[in-house]
């Protein structure tokens, strides 16, 4: 299915107690199953973008980032804490507005999002091998094995998988027993960036494109 197809026009989302956003309904019911379908919110993608920026010097292909996601903007607040998002065709990395990102998983094994994950995994491995003196070069297979084991343990523990968790696990990955400069201050890189993001958004909320009122204030 092409991104320019007419059927994926909107989705309705909600934020749960875990502060993550999930899709309740979607215009293209034929190709999408909304059962446990997560969507990356603007705050999360800001943090993801910071991590992707650090990969540019290692050969990140920005085109793969844009091709991997369908982008949505806030249209209106609905009853019951739901929000309606409308499809836009903006670049995630260049957009001035704050956008939600739905990974293109229509083909989970060979689609644009799968290609993107493979690309950033390769780059993360290259970064690790340049920044850490391993006895033997660390491999993509080793990294994927560790991530698969964690994902399996989360599943067995009844934890729902969200796209943001999957991305941060790759972009922040460091093998057990090792550290890189960004991690030496204590705590995970994601955790520190998340706290900075919460401070930034917590005081002003997010603006709806229509009406000018503030929305989505961070809980304290």
C-alpha atoms as a PDB file:
ATOM      1  CA  UNK A   1       0.000   0.000   0.000  1.00  0.00           C
ATOM      2  CA  UNK A   2       1.360   3.414  -0.974  1.00  0.00           C
ATOM      3  CA  UNK A   3       1.581   6.261   1.497  1.00  0.00           C
ATOM      4  CA  UNK A   4      -0.425   8.444  -0.889  1.00  0.00           C
ATOM      5  CA  UNK A   5      -3.367   6.043  -0.705  1.00  0.00           C
ATOM      6  CA  UNK A   6      -6.630   7.759   0.241  1.00  0.00           C
ATOM      7  CA  UNK A   7      -7.873   5.388   2.923  1.00  0.00           C
ATOM      8  CA  UNK A   8      -5.501   6.231   5.775  1.00  0.00           C
ATOM      9  CA  UNK A   9      -6.854   9.699   6.555  1.00  0.00           C
ATOM     10  CA  UNK A  10      -7.334   9.832  10.326  1.00  0.00           C
ATOM     11  CA  UNK A  11      -7.112   7.924  13.590  1.00  0.00           C
ATOM     12  CA  UNK A  12      -8.464   8.411  17.096  1.00  0.00           C
ATOM     13  CA  UNK A  13      -6.003   7.966  19.942  1.00  0.00           C
ATOM     14  CA  UNK A  14      -5.887   8.022  23.707  1.00  0.00           C
ATOM     15  CA  UNK A  15      -3.159   8.379  26.319  1.00  0.00           C
ATOM     16  CA  UNK A  16      -3.098   5.790  29.077  1.00  0.00           C
ATOM     17  CA  UNK A  17      -1.565   5.817  32.537  1.00  0.00           C
ATOM     18  CA  UNK A  18       1.778   4.694  31.137  1.00  0.00           C
ATOM     19  CA  UNK A  19       1.916   8.085  29.322  1.00  0.00           C
ATOM     20  CA  UNK A  20       1.933   6.290  25.964  1.00  0.00           C
ATOM     21  CA  UNK A  21      -0.562   6.836  23.184  1.00  0.00           C
ATOM     22  CA  UNK A  22      -2.618   4.033  21.655  1.00  0.00           C
ATOM     23  CA  UNK A  23      -4.913   3.919  18.629  1.00  0.00           C
ATOM     24  CA  UNK A  24      -8.614   3.299  19.327  1.00  0.00           C
ATOM     25  CA  UNK A  25      -9.917   3.534  15.764  1.00  0.00           C
ATOM     26  CA  UNK A  26      -8.566   4.263  12.304  1.00  0.00           C
ATOM     27  CA  UNK A  27     -10.027   5.179   8.928  1.00  0.00           C
ATOM     28  CA  UNK A  28      -8.371   2.271   7.125  1.00  0.00           C
ATOM     29  CA  UNK A  29      -9.928  -0.691   8.935  1.00  0.00           C
ATOM     30  CA  UNK A  30      -9.079  -3.070   6.105  1.00  0.00           C
ATOM     31  CA  UNK A  31      -5.296  -2.856   6.517  1.00  0.00           C
ATOM     32  CA  UNK A  32      -4.923  -1.955  10.189  1.00  0.00           C
ATOM     33  CA  UNK A  33      -5.758  -3.866  13.371  1.00  0.00           C
ATOM     34  CA  UNK A  34      -5.993  -1.401  16.260  1.00  0.00           C
ATOM     35  CA  UNK A  35      -5.605  -4.071  18.938  1.00  0.00           C
ATOM     36  CA  UNK A  36      -2.632  -2.846  21.020  1.00  0.00           C
ATOM     37  CA  UNK A  37      -1.579  -0.512  18.192  1.00  0.00           C
ATOM     38  CA  UNK A  38       0.647   2.205  19.588  1.00  0.00           C
ATOM     39  CA  UNK A  39       1.526   5.547  18.018  1.00  0.00           C
ATOM     40  CA  UNK A  40       4.603   7.666  18.728  1.00  0.00           C
ATOM     41  CA  UNK A  41       3.699  11.063  20.134  1.00  0.00           C
ATOM     42  CA  UNK A  42       5.575  14.328  19.408  1.00  0.00           C
ATOM     43  CA  UNK A  43       7.385  14.294  22.741  1.00  0.00           C
ATOM     44  CA  UNK A  44       8.690  10.792  22.140  1.00  0.00           C
ATOM     45  CA  UNK A  45       9.747  11.588  18.605  1.00  0.00           C
ATOM     46  CA  UNK A  46      11.659  14.647  19.804  1.00  0.00           C
ATOM     47  CA  UNK A  47      13.772  12.311  21.921  1.00  0.00           C
ATOM     48  CA  UNK A  48      14.072   9.821  19.066  1.00  0.00           C
ATOM     49  CA  UNK A  49      15.150  12.631  16.750  1.00  0.00           C
ATOM     50  CA  UNK A  50      17.970  13.587  19.134  1.00  0.00           C
ATOM     51  CA  UNK A  51      19.248  10.022  19.006  1.00  0.00           C
ATOM     52  CA  UNK A  52      18.943   9.892  15.224  1.00  0.00           C
ATOM     53  CA  UNK A  53      20.892  13.152  14.942  1.00  0.00           C
ATOM     54  CA  UNK A  54      23.856  11.474  16.623  1.00  0.00           C
ATOM     55  CA  UNK A  55      23.764   8.816  13.900  1.00  0.00           C
ATOM     56  CA  UNK A  56      24.100  11.240  10.982  1.00  0.00           C
ATOM     57  CA  UNK A  57      27.890  11.138  11.053  1.00  0.00           C
ATOM     58  CA  UNK A  58      27.704   7.331  10.893  1.00  0.00           C
ATOM     59  CA  UNK A  59      25.684   7.348   7.689  1.00  0.00           C
ATOM     60  CA  UNK A  60      22.034   7.578   8.741  1.00  0.00           C
ATOM     61  CA  UNK A  61      19.835   7.890   5.653  1.00  0.00           C
ATOM     62  CA  UNK A  62      17.164  10.437   6.569  1.00  0.00           C
ATOM     63  CA  UNK A  63      14.969   9.328   3.679  1.00  0.00           C
ATOM     64  CA  UNK A  64      14.486   5.964   5.384  1.00  0.00           C
ATOM     65  CA  UNK A  65      13.192   7.778   8.467  1.00  0.00           C
ATOM     66  CA  UNK A  66      10.492   9.616   6.541  1.00  0.00           C
ATOM     67  CA  UNK A  67       9.515   6.526   4.570  1.00  0.00           C
ATOM     68  CA  UNK A  68       9.103   4.483   7.751  1.00  0.00           C
ATOM     69  CA  UNK A  69       6.267   6.528   9.271  1.00  0.00           C
ATOM     70  CA  UNK A  70       2.812   7.867   8.506  1.00  0.00           C
ATOM     71  CA  UNK A  71       2.477  11.341  10.048  1.00  0.00           C
ATOM     72  CA  UNK A  72      -0.544  12.830  11.811  1.00  0.00           C
ATOM     73  CA  UNK A  73      -1.430  16.205  13.296  1.00  0.00           C
ATOM     74  CA  UNK A  74      -3.944  16.975  16.029  1.00  0.00           C
ATOM     75  CA  UNK A  75      -7.375  17.899  14.661  1.00  0.00           C
ATOM     76  CA  UNK A  76      -9.614  18.014  17.720  1.00  0.00           C
ATOM     77  CA  UNK A  77     -10.147  16.832  21.275  1.00  0.00           C
ATOM     78  CA  UNK A  78     -12.991  14.361  21.691  1.00  0.00           C
ATOM     79  CA  UNK A  79     -14.954  13.200  24.712  1.00  0.00           C
ATOM     80  CA  UNK A  80     -13.508  10.642  27.076  1.00  0.00           C
ATOM     81  CA  UNK A  81      -9.917  11.823  26.711  1.00  0.00           C
ATOM     82  CA  UNK A  82      -9.643  10.811  23.080  1.00  0.00           C
ATOM     83  CA  UNK A  83      -7.986  12.906  20.381  1.00  0.00           C
ATOM     84  CA  UNK A  84      -8.642  12.837  16.653  1.00  0.00           C
ATOM     85  CA  UNK A  85      -5.548  13.001  14.449  1.00  0.00           C
ATOM     86  CA  UNK A  86      -5.573  13.866  10.757  1.00  0.00           C
ATOM     87  CA  UNK A  87      -3.080  12.515   8.248  1.00  0.00           C
ATOM     88  CA  UNK A  88      -0.473  14.929   6.896  1.00  0.00           C
ATOM     89  CA  UNK A  89       2.334  14.361   4.401  1.00  0.00           C
ATOM     90  CA  UNK A  90       5.110  16.196   6.232  1.00  0.00           C
ATOM     91  CA  UNK A  91       8.667  15.055   6.830  1.00  0.00           C
ATOM     92  CA  UNK A  92       9.114  14.035  10.455  1.00  0.00           C
ATOM     93  CA  UNK A  93      12.661  15.372  10.571  1.00  0.00           C
ATOM     94  CA  UNK A  94      11.849  18.704   8.899  1.00  0.00           C
ATOM     95  CA  UNK A  95       8.323  19.444  10.080  1.00  0.00           C
ATOM     96  CA  UNK A  96       7.809  22.628  12.089  1.00  0.00           C
ATOM     97  CA  UNK A  97       4.605  21.332  13.681  1.00  0.00           C
ATOM     98  CA  UNK A  98       4.555  18.654  16.351  1.00  0.00           C
ATOM     99  CA  UNK A  99       3.479  15.426  14.694  1.00  0.00           C
ATOM    100  CA  UNK A 100       2.448  11.953  15.758  1.00  0.00           C
ATOM    101  CA  UNK A 101       4.187   9.090  13.938  1.00  0.00           C
ATOM    102  CA  UNK A 102       2.606   5.743  13.077  1.00  0.00           C
ATOM    103  CA  UNK A 103       5.176   3.195  11.836  1.00  0.00           C
ATOM    104  CA  UNK A 104       4.403   1.678   8.444  1.00  0.00           C
ATOM    105  CA  UNK A 105       4.060  -1.954   9.511  1.00  0.00           C
ATOM    106  CA  UNK A 106       1.686  -3.033   6.752  1.00  0.00           C
ATOM    107  CA  UNK A 107       4.495  -5.401   5.741  1.00  0.00           C
ATOM    108  CA  UNK A 108       6.242  -6.187   9.018  1.00  0.00           C
ATOM    109  CA  UNK A 109       9.118  -8.146   7.495  1.00  0.00           C
ATOM    110  CA  UNK A 110      10.002  -6.219   4.327  1.00  0.00           C
ATOM    111  CA  UNK A 111       8.218  -2.883   4.660  1.00  0.00           C
ATOM    112  CA  UNK A 112       9.675   0.622   5.175  1.00  0.00           C
ATOM    113  CA  UNK A 113       9.624   0.388   8.973  1.00  0.00           C
ATOM    114  CA  UNK A 114      11.426  -2.970   8.921  1.00  0.00           C
ATOM    115  CA  UNK A 115      14.057  -1.454   6.616  1.00  0.00           C
ATOM    116  CA  UNK A 116      14.413   1.516   8.955  1.00  0.00           C
ATOM    117  CA  UNK A 117      14.878  -0.701  12.028  1.00  0.00           C
ATOM    118  CA  UNK A 118      17.518  -2.763  10.252  1.00  0.00           C
ATOM    119  CA  UNK A 119      19.304   0.415   9.132  1.00  0.00           C
ATOM    120  CA  UNK A 120      19.464   2.019  12.585  1.00  0.00           C
ATOM    121  CA  UNK A 121      20.473  -1.289  14.155  1.00  0.00           C
ATOM    122  CA  UNK A 122      23.420  -1.530  11.754  1.00  0.00           C
ATOM    123  CA  UNK A 123      24.416   2.039  12.546  1.00  0.00           C
ATOM    124  CA  UNK A 124      24.123   1.512  16.294  1.00  0.00           C
ATOM    125  CA  UNK A 125      26.451  -1.480  16.020  1.00  0.00           C
ATOM    126  CA  UNK A 126      28.937   0.621  14.033  1.00  0.00           C
ATOM    127  CA  UNK A 127      28.783   3.349  16.698  1.00  0.00           C
ATOM    128  CA  UNK A 128      29.379   0.848  19.488  1.00  0.00           C
ATOM    129  CA  UNK A 129      32.386  -0.664  17.746  1.00  0.00           C
ATOM    130  CA  UNK A 130      33.911   2.780  17.265  1.00  0.00           C
ATOM    131  CA  UNK A 131      33.222   4.002  20.809  1.00  0.00           C
ATOM    132  CA  UNK A 132      33.999   0.815  22.763  1.00  0.00           C
ATOM    133  CA  UNK A 133      37.130  -1.322  22.602  1.00  0.00           C
ATOM    134  CA  UNK A 134      35.649  -4.819  22.380  1.00  0.00           C
ATOM    135  CA  UNK A 135      37.938  -7.842  22.378  1.00  0.00           C
ATOM    136  CA  UNK A 136      36.132  -8.849  19.180  1.00  0.00           C
ATOM    137  CA  UNK A 137      33.916  -6.615  17.013  1.00  0.00           C
ATOM    138  CA  UNK A 138      30.363  -6.557  18.312  1.00  0.00           C
ATOM    139  CA  UNK A 139      27.896  -7.888  15.739  1.00  0.00           C
ATOM    140  CA  UNK A 140      24.368  -7.053  14.711  1.00  0.00           C
ATOM    141  CA  UNK A 141      23.389 -10.645  15.378  1.00  0.00           C
ATOM    142  CA  UNK A 142      24.511 -10.326  19.015  1.00  0.00           C
ATOM    143  CA  UNK A 143      22.545  -7.126  19.473  1.00  0.00           C
ATOM    144  CA  UNK A 144      19.402  -8.562  17.890  1.00  0.00           C
ATOM    145  CA  UNK A 145      19.646 -11.647  20.096  1.00  0.00           C
ATOM    146  CA  UNK A 146      19.756  -9.507  23.247  1.00  0.00           C
ATOM    147  CA  UNK A 147      16.842  -7.351  22.081  1.00  0.00           C
ATOM    148  CA  UNK A 148      14.768 -10.389  21.083  1.00  0.00           C
ATOM    149  CA  UNK A 149      15.298 -11.964  24.514  1.00  0.00           C
ATOM    150  CA  UNK A 150      14.191  -8.752  26.244  1.00  0.00           C
ATOM    151  CA  UNK A 151      11.138  -8.476  24.004  1.00  0.00           C
ATOM    152  CA  UNK A 152      10.227 -12.086  24.718  1.00  0.00           C
ATOM    153  CA  UNK A 153      10.602 -11.568  28.478  1.00  0.00           C
ATOM    154  CA  UNK A 154       8.382  -8.468  28.314  1.00  0.00           C
ATOM    155  CA  UNK A 155       5.761 -10.446  26.409  1.00  0.00           C
ATOM    156  CA  UNK A 156       5.844 -13.300  28.926  1.00  0.00           C
ATOM    157  CA  UNK A 157       5.503 -10.727  31.685  1.00  0.00           C
ATOM    158  CA  UNK A 158       2.326  -9.389  30.132  1.00  0.00           C
ATOM    159  CA  UNK A 159       3.836  -6.082  29.022  1.00  0.00           C
ATOM    160  CA  UNK A 160       2.370  -4.558  25.879  1.00  0.00           C
ATOM    161  CA  UNK A 161       4.840  -3.685  23.163  1.00  0.00           C
ATOM    162  CA  UNK A 162       4.883  -0.047  22.076  1.00  0.00           C
ATOM    163  CA  UNK A 163       6.816   1.230  19.062  1.00  0.00           C
ATOM    164  CA  UNK A 164       8.605   3.821  21.207  1.00  0.00           C
ATOM    165  CA  UNK A 165      10.003   1.099  23.491  1.00  0.00           C
ATOM    166  CA  UNK A 166      11.250  -0.836  20.459  1.00  0.00           C
ATOM    167  CA  UNK A 167      13.010   2.220  19.033  1.00  0.00           C
ATOM    168  CA  UNK A 168      14.608   3.385  22.274  1.00  0.00           C
ATOM    169  CA  UNK A 169      15.868  -0.160  22.924  1.00  0.00           C
ATOM    170  CA  UNK A 170      17.792   0.024  19.638  1.00  0.00           C
ATOM    171  CA  UNK A 171      18.880   3.671  19.647  1.00  0.00           C
ATOM    172  CA  UNK A 172      20.096   3.592  23.267  1.00  0.00           C
ATOM    173  CA  UNK A 173      21.512   0.056  23.185  1.00  0.00           C
ATOM    174  CA  UNK A 174      24.779  -0.684  24.994  1.00  0.00           C
ATOM    175  CA  UNK A 175      25.896  -4.269  25.747  1.00  0.00           C
ATOM    176  CA  UNK A 176      25.727  -5.295  29.396  1.00  0.00           C
ATOM    177  CA  UNK A 177      28.944  -4.505  31.226  1.00  0.00           C
ATOM    178  CA  UNK A 178      29.930  -1.640  28.926  1.00  0.00           C
ATOM    179  CA  UNK A 179      29.250   2.090  28.811  1.00  0.00           C
ATOM    180  CA  UNK A 180      29.815   4.966  26.432  1.00  0.00           C
ATOM    181  CA  UNK A 181      30.480   8.600  27.346  1.00  0.00           C
ATOM    182  CA  UNK A 182      26.812   9.603  27.121  1.00  0.00           C
ATOM    183  CA  UNK A 183      25.924   7.011  29.766  1.00  0.00           C
ATOM    184  CA  UNK A 184      28.621   7.785  32.320  1.00  0.00           C
ATOM    185  CA  UNK A 185      26.562  10.418  34.136  1.00  0.00           C
ATOM    186  CA  UNK A 186      24.305   7.733  35.608  1.00  0.00           C
ATOM    187  CA  UNK A 187      21.006   6.395  34.375  1.00  0.00           C
ATOM    188  CA  UNK A 188      20.099   5.519  30.840  1.00  0.00           C
ATOM    189  CA  UNK A 189      20.389   7.992  28.036  1.00  0.00           C
ATOM    190  CA  UNK A 190      16.683   7.634  27.347  1.00  0.00           C
ATOM    191  CA  UNK A 191      15.770   8.351  30.941  1.00  0.00           C
ATOM    192  CA  UNK A 192      17.798  11.549  31.044  1.00  0.00           C
ATOM    193  CA  UNK A 193      16.414  12.778  27.733  1.00  0.00           C
ATOM    194  CA  UNK A 194      12.903  11.831  28.822  1.00  0.00           C
ATOM    195  CA  UNK A 195      13.170  13.938  31.958  1.00  0.00           C
ATOM    196  CA  UNK A 196      14.384  16.911  29.945  1.00  0.00           C
ATOM    197  CA  UNK A 197      11.500  16.402  27.513  1.00  0.00           C
ATOM    198  CA  UNK A 198       8.936  16.266  30.326  1.00  0.00           C
ATOM    199  CA  UNK A 199      10.221  19.559  31.717  1.00  0.00           C
ATOM    200  CA  UNK A 200      10.076  21.207  28.331  1.00  0.00           C
ATOM    201  CA  UNK A 201       6.521  20.155  27.596  1.00  0.00           C
ATOM    202  CA  UNK A 202       5.142  20.130  31.107  1.00  0.00           C
ATOM    203  CA  UNK A 203       4.849  23.897  31.460  1.00  0.00           C
ATOM    204  CA  UNK A 204       3.295  24.834  28.155  1.00  0.00           C
ATOM    205  CA  UNK A 205       1.446  21.741  26.941  1.00  0.00           C
ATOM    206  CA  UNK A 206       0.921  21.116  23.238  1.00  0.00           C
ATOM    207  CA  UNK A 207      -1.053  23.506  21.080  1.00  0.00           C
ATOM    208  CA  UNK A 208      -3.961  22.416  18.983  1.00  0.00           C
ATOM    209  CA  UNK A 209      -3.658  23.739  15.427  1.00  0.00           C
ATOM    210  CA  UNK A 210      -7.170  25.190  15.698  1.00  0.00           C
ATOM    211  CA  UNK A 211      -8.518  27.232  18.560  1.00  0.00           C
ATOM    212  CA  UNK A 212      -5.159  28.075  20.068  1.00  0.00           C
ATOM    213  CA  UNK A 213      -5.768  26.396  23.419  1.00  0.00           C
ATOM    214  CA  UNK A 214      -3.167  24.370  25.271  1.00  0.00           C
ATOM    215  CA  UNK A 215      -3.480  20.626  25.540  1.00  0.00           C
ATOM    216  CA  UNK A 216      -1.777  17.469  26.832  1.00  0.00           C
ATOM    217  CA  UNK A 217      -0.212  18.912  29.944  1.00  0.00           C
ATOM    218  CA  UNK A 218       2.164  16.510  31.614  1.00  0.00           C
ATOM    219  CA  UNK A 219       0.975  15.040  34.867  1.00  0.00           C
ATOM    220  CA  UNK A 220       2.850  15.906  38.015  1.00  0.00           C
END
